[in-house]
Amino acid sequence: MANIKSQKKRIITNEKARLANASAKSEMRTAIKNVKLAVEEKNLEAATTRLNKAVSLVDKAVTAGRLTKNTAARKKSNLNKLVDTIR
């Protein structure tokens, strides 16, 4: 455990950030999974609405620095290709 006051504060803020990042990543992964489930059910309407939500969350992850730009582009491209298979 740290003895310096500022380092104790950093430990606390780092933990808060870690939990926020984990929550946001989990929400993003769940949205991606929901798109895949809608595609499996061949439900185009649900797939497109879920795709919009997932793309939004991926873009937010890039803005927040949780994902790199290329990783986000790859995820969005793969999801779009998946939804296009039922169009």
N, C-alpha and C. Protein backbone atom coordinates (compact mmCIF):
# COMPACT_ATOMS: atom_id res chain seq x y z
N MET A 1 0.85 -1.18 0.00
CA MET A 1 0.00 0.00 0.00
C MET A 1 0.89 1.24 0.00
N ALA A 2 0.43 2.24 -0.73
CA ALA A 2 1.21 3.47 -0.85
C ALA A 2 1.19 4.28 0.44
N ASN A 3 2.26 5.01 0.66
CA ASN A 3 2.33 5.90 1.83
C ASN A 3 2.06 7.35 1.45
N ILE A 4 2.23 7.68 0.19
CA ILE A 4 2.07 9.06 -0.27
C ILE A 4 0.60 9.34 -0.55
N LYS A 5 0.13 10.49 -0.07
CA LYS A 5 -1.28 10.83 -0.17
C LYS A 5 -1.77 10.87 -1.62
N SER A 6 -0.98 11.48 -2.50
CA SER A 6 -1.41 11.59 -3.89
C SER A 6 -1.48 10.21 -4.56
N GLN A 7 -0.61 9.32 -4.17
CA GLN A 7 -0.65 7.97 -4.74
C GLN A 7 -1.86 7.20 -4.23
N LYS A 8 -2.25 7.43 -2.99
CA LYS A 8 -3.47 6.80 -2.47
C LYS A 8 -4.68 7.26 -3.27
N LYS A 9 -4.70 8.55 -3.60
CA LYS A 9 -5.80 9.09 -4.40
C LYS A 9 -5.80 8.46 -5.80
N ARG A 10 -4.60 8.31 -6.39
CA ARG A 10 -4.51 7.72 -7.72
C ARG A 10 -5.01 6.28 -7.72
N ILE A 11 -4.72 5.54 -6.65
CA ILE A 11 -5.19 4.16 -6.55
C ILE A 11 -6.71 4.13 -6.59
N ILE A 12 -7.34 5.05 -5.86
CA ILE A 12 -8.80 5.10 -5.81
C ILE A 12 -9.38 5.49 -7.17
N THR A 13 -8.81 6.53 -7.80
CA THR A 13 -9.35 6.96 -9.10
C THR A 13 -9.08 5.92 -10.18
N ASN A 14 -7.95 5.24 -10.12
CA ASN A 14 -7.67 4.19 -11.10
C ASN A 14 -8.68 3.05 -10.99
N GLU A 15 -9.05 2.71 -9.78
CA GLU A 15 -10.03 1.65 -9.57
C GLU A 15 -11.39 2.06 -10.12
N LYS A 16 -11.78 3.32 -9.89
CA LYS A 16 -13.05 3.81 -10.43
C LYS A 16 -13.04 3.76 -11.96
N ALA A 17 -11.93 4.17 -12.55
CA ALA A 17 -11.81 4.15 -14.01
C ALA A 17 -11.84 2.73 -14.54
N ARG A 18 -11.18 1.82 -13.84
CA ARG A 18 -11.16 0.41 -14.26
C ARG A 18 -12.57 -0.16 -14.29
N LEU A 19 -13.34 0.13 -13.25
CA LEU A 19 -14.71 -0.37 -13.18
C LEU A 19 -15.59 0.25 -14.26
N ALA A 20 -15.41 1.54 -14.51
CA ALA A 20 -16.18 2.21 -15.57
C ALA A 20 -15.84 1.63 -16.93
N ASN A 21 -14.55 1.40 -17.18
CA ASN A 21 -14.12 0.82 -18.45
C ASN A 21 -14.66 -0.59 -18.63
N ALA A 22 -14.61 -1.38 -17.57
CA ALA A 22 -15.11 -2.75 -17.64
C ALA A 22 -16.60 -2.77 -17.93
N SER A 23 -17.34 -1.88 -17.29
CA SER A 23 -18.78 -1.80 -17.51
C SER A 23 -19.10 -1.40 -18.95
N ALA A 24 -18.40 -0.40 -19.46
CA ALA A 24 -18.64 0.07 -20.82
C ALA A 24 -18.28 -1.00 -21.84
N LYS A 25 -17.17 -1.70 -21.63
CA LYS A 25 -16.78 -2.77 -22.56
C LYS A 25 -17.79 -3.91 -22.53
N SER A 26 -18.28 -4.23 -21.35
CA SER A 26 -19.27 -5.29 -21.22
C SER A 26 -20.56 -4.92 -21.96
N GLU A 27 -20.97 -3.67 -21.82
CA GLU A 27 -22.18 -3.20 -22.50
C GLU A 27 -22.00 -3.29 -24.01
N MET A 28 -20.82 -2.93 -24.49
CA MET A 28 -20.52 -2.99 -25.91
C MET A 28 -20.56 -4.44 -26.41
N ARG A 29 -19.93 -5.33 -25.68
CA ARG A 29 -19.92 -6.75 -26.07
C ARG A 29 -21.32 -7.33 -26.09
N THR A 30 -22.15 -6.94 -25.12
CA THR A 30 -23.53 -7.42 -25.07
C THR A 30 -24.31 -6.93 -26.28
N ALA A 31 -24.09 -5.68 -26.66
CA ALA A 31 -24.78 -5.13 -27.83
C ALA A 31 -24.38 -5.89 -29.10
N ILE A 32 -23.10 -6.21 -29.22
CA ILE A 32 -22.62 -6.97 -30.37
C ILE A 32 -23.25 -8.37 -30.38
N LYS A 33 -23.33 -8.97 -29.21
CA LYS A 33 -23.92 -10.29 -29.10
C LYS A 33 -25.41 -10.25 -29.48
N ASN A 34 -26.10 -9.17 -29.11
CA ASN A 34 -27.51 -9.04 -29.45
C ASN A 34 -27.72 -8.92 -30.95
N VAL A 35 -26.81 -8.25 -31.64
CA VAL A 35 -26.89 -8.16 -33.10
C VAL A 35 -26.75 -9.56 -33.69
N LYS A 36 -25.79 -10.32 -33.20
CA LYS A 36 -25.57 -11.67 -33.72
C LYS A 36 -26.78 -12.57 -33.47
N LEU A 37 -27.42 -12.41 -32.32
CA LEU A 37 -28.62 -13.20 -32.02
C LEU A 37 -29.76 -12.84 -32.96
N ALA A 38 -29.93 -11.56 -33.25
CA ALA A 38 -30.99 -11.12 -34.16
C ALA A 38 -30.75 -11.66 -35.56
N VAL A 39 -29.49 -11.72 -35.97
CA VAL A 39 -29.17 -12.25 -37.30
C VAL A 39 -29.46 -13.75 -37.34
N GLU A 40 -29.14 -14.45 -36.27
CA GLU A 40 -29.43 -15.89 -36.23
C GLU A 40 -30.92 -16.16 -36.33
N GLU A 41 -31.73 -15.25 -35.75
CA GLU A 41 -33.18 -15.39 -35.81
C GLU A 41 -33.75 -14.89 -37.14
N LYS A 42 -32.89 -14.36 -38.02
CA LYS A 42 -33.29 -13.81 -39.32
C LYS A 42 -34.27 -12.65 -39.16
N ASN A 43 -34.13 -11.88 -38.09
CA ASN A 43 -35.00 -10.75 -37.81
C ASN A 43 -34.29 -9.47 -38.25
N LEU A 44 -34.60 -9.01 -39.44
CA LEU A 44 -33.89 -7.86 -40.02
C LEU A 44 -34.15 -6.57 -39.25
N GLU A 45 -35.38 -6.35 -38.87
CA GLU A 45 -35.72 -5.10 -38.16
C GLU A 45 -34.97 -5.00 -36.83
N ALA A 46 -34.99 -6.07 -36.06
CA ALA A 46 -34.28 -6.08 -34.78
C ALA A 46 -32.77 -5.97 -34.99
N ALA A 47 -32.29 -6.63 -36.03
CA ALA A 47 -30.84 -6.62 -36.30
C ALA A 47 -30.37 -5.22 -36.63
N THR A 48 -31.13 -4.49 -37.44
CA THR A 48 -30.69 -3.14 -37.81
C THR A 48 -30.75 -2.18 -36.64
N THR A 49 -31.77 -2.28 -35.80
CA THR A 49 -31.83 -1.38 -34.64
C THR A 49 -30.73 -1.72 -33.64
N ARG A 50 -30.47 -3.00 -33.46
CA ARG A 50 -29.39 -3.40 -32.56
C ARG A 50 -28.02 -3.05 -33.14
N LEU A 51 -27.91 -3.10 -34.46
CA LEU A 51 -26.66 -2.72 -35.11
C LEU A 51 -26.36 -1.24 -34.84
N ASN A 52 -27.38 -0.40 -34.96
CA ASN A 52 -27.18 1.03 -34.69
C ASN A 52 -26.71 1.27 -33.27
N LYS A 53 -27.29 0.56 -32.33
CA LYS A 53 -26.90 0.69 -30.92
C LYS A 53 -25.46 0.21 -30.72
N ALA A 54 -25.12 -0.92 -31.33
CA ALA A 54 -23.77 -1.48 -31.18
C ALA A 54 -22.72 -0.56 -31.79
N VAL A 55 -23.01 -0.02 -32.97
CA VAL A 55 -22.06 0.88 -33.63
C VAL A 55 -21.85 2.13 -32.78
N SER A 56 -22.92 2.62 -32.20
CA SER A 56 -22.82 3.79 -31.33
C SER A 56 -21.92 3.51 -30.13
N LEU A 57 -22.09 2.35 -29.52
CA LEU A 57 -21.27 2.00 -28.36
C LEU A 57 -19.81 1.78 -28.74
N VAL A 58 -19.57 1.22 -29.92
CA VAL A 58 -18.19 1.03 -30.38
C VAL A 58 -17.53 2.39 -30.61
N ASP A 59 -18.28 3.31 -31.22
CA ASP A 59 -17.73 4.65 -31.45
C ASP A 59 -17.44 5.37 -30.14
N LYS A 60 -18.31 5.20 -29.17
CA LYS A 60 -18.08 5.81 -27.85
C LYS A 60 -16.83 5.23 -27.19
N ALA A 61 -16.60 3.94 -27.40
CA ALA A 61 -15.42 3.30 -26.83
C ALA A 61 -14.15 3.87 -27.44
N VAL A 62 -14.19 4.20 -28.72
CA VAL A 62 -13.03 4.81 -29.37
C VAL A 62 -12.79 6.20 -28.80
N THR A 63 -13.86 6.97 -28.66
CA THR A 63 -13.75 8.32 -28.13
C THR A 63 -13.18 8.33 -26.72
N ALA A 64 -13.58 7.34 -25.93
CA ALA A 64 -13.12 7.26 -24.55
C ALA A 64 -11.73 6.62 -24.44
N GLY A 65 -11.22 6.07 -25.54
CA GLY A 65 -9.90 5.46 -25.52
C GLY A 65 -9.89 4.01 -25.08
N ARG A 66 -11.05 3.38 -25.09
CA ARG A 66 -11.12 1.97 -24.69
C ARG A 66 -10.77 1.03 -25.83
N LEU A 67 -10.97 1.50 -27.07
CA LEU A 67 -10.65 0.72 -28.26
C LEU A 67 -9.83 1.60 -29.20
N THR A 68 -9.02 0.95 -30.03
CA THR A 68 -8.32 1.71 -31.06
C THR A 68 -9.24 1.89 -32.26
N LYS A 69 -8.90 2.85 -33.09
CA LYS A 69 -9.73 3.19 -34.24
C LYS A 69 -9.87 2.00 -35.19
N ASN A 70 -8.77 1.29 -35.44
CA ASN A 70 -8.82 0.17 -36.38
C ASN A 70 -9.63 -1.00 -35.84
N THR A 71 -9.53 -1.25 -34.55
CA THR A 71 -10.31 -2.33 -33.94
C THR A 71 -11.80 -2.02 -34.06
N ALA A 72 -12.16 -0.77 -33.81
CA ALA A 72 -13.56 -0.37 -33.91
C ALA A 72 -14.05 -0.50 -35.35
N ALA A 73 -13.23 -0.09 -36.29
CA ALA A 73 -13.62 -0.20 -37.71
C ALA A 73 -13.83 -1.66 -38.09
N ARG A 74 -12.97 -2.53 -37.61
CA ARG A 74 -13.10 -3.96 -37.91
C ARG A 74 -14.38 -4.52 -37.32
N LYS A 75 -14.68 -4.16 -36.07
CA LYS A 75 -15.90 -4.67 -35.43
C LYS A 75 -17.15 -4.18 -36.17
N LYS A 76 -17.16 -2.91 -36.53
CA LYS A 76 -18.31 -2.35 -37.23
C LYS A 76 -18.47 -2.99 -38.61
N SER A 77 -17.37 -3.19 -39.30
CA SER A 77 -17.41 -3.82 -40.62
C SER A 77 -17.96 -5.24 -40.53
N ASN A 78 -17.47 -5.99 -39.57
CA ASN A 78 -17.94 -7.37 -39.41
C ASN A 78 -19.42 -7.42 -39.08
N LEU A 79 -19.88 -6.50 -38.23
CA LEU A 79 -21.30 -6.49 -37.89
C LEU A 79 -22.15 -6.12 -39.10
N ASN A 80 -21.68 -5.14 -39.88
CA ASN A 80 -22.43 -4.74 -41.08
C ASN A 80 -22.51 -5.89 -42.08
N LYS A 81 -21.40 -6.61 -42.26
CA LYS A 81 -21.42 -7.76 -43.16
C LYS A 81 -22.40 -8.82 -42.69
N LEU A 82 -22.43 -9.02 -41.38
CA LEU A 82 -23.31 -10.03 -40.79
C LEU A 82 -24.78 -9.66 -41.03
N VAL A 83 -25.12 -8.41 -40.80
CA VAL A 83 -26.50 -7.98 -41.00
C VAL A 83 -26.86 -8.02 -42.49
N ASP A 84 -25.89 -7.74 -43.35
CA ASP A 84 -26.16 -7.78 -44.80
C ASP A 84 -26.49 -9.19 -45.28
N THR A 85 -26.10 -10.20 -44.55
CA THR A 85 -26.38 -11.57 -44.98
C THR A 85 -27.88 -11.88 -44.94
N ILE A 86 -28.64 -11.14 -44.15
CA ILE A 86 -30.10 -11.41 -44.08
C ILE A 86 -30.91 -10.37 -44.84
N ARG A 87 -30.24 -9.40 -45.46
CA ARG A 87 -30.99 -8.39 -46.23
C ARG A 87 -31.38 -8.91 -47.58
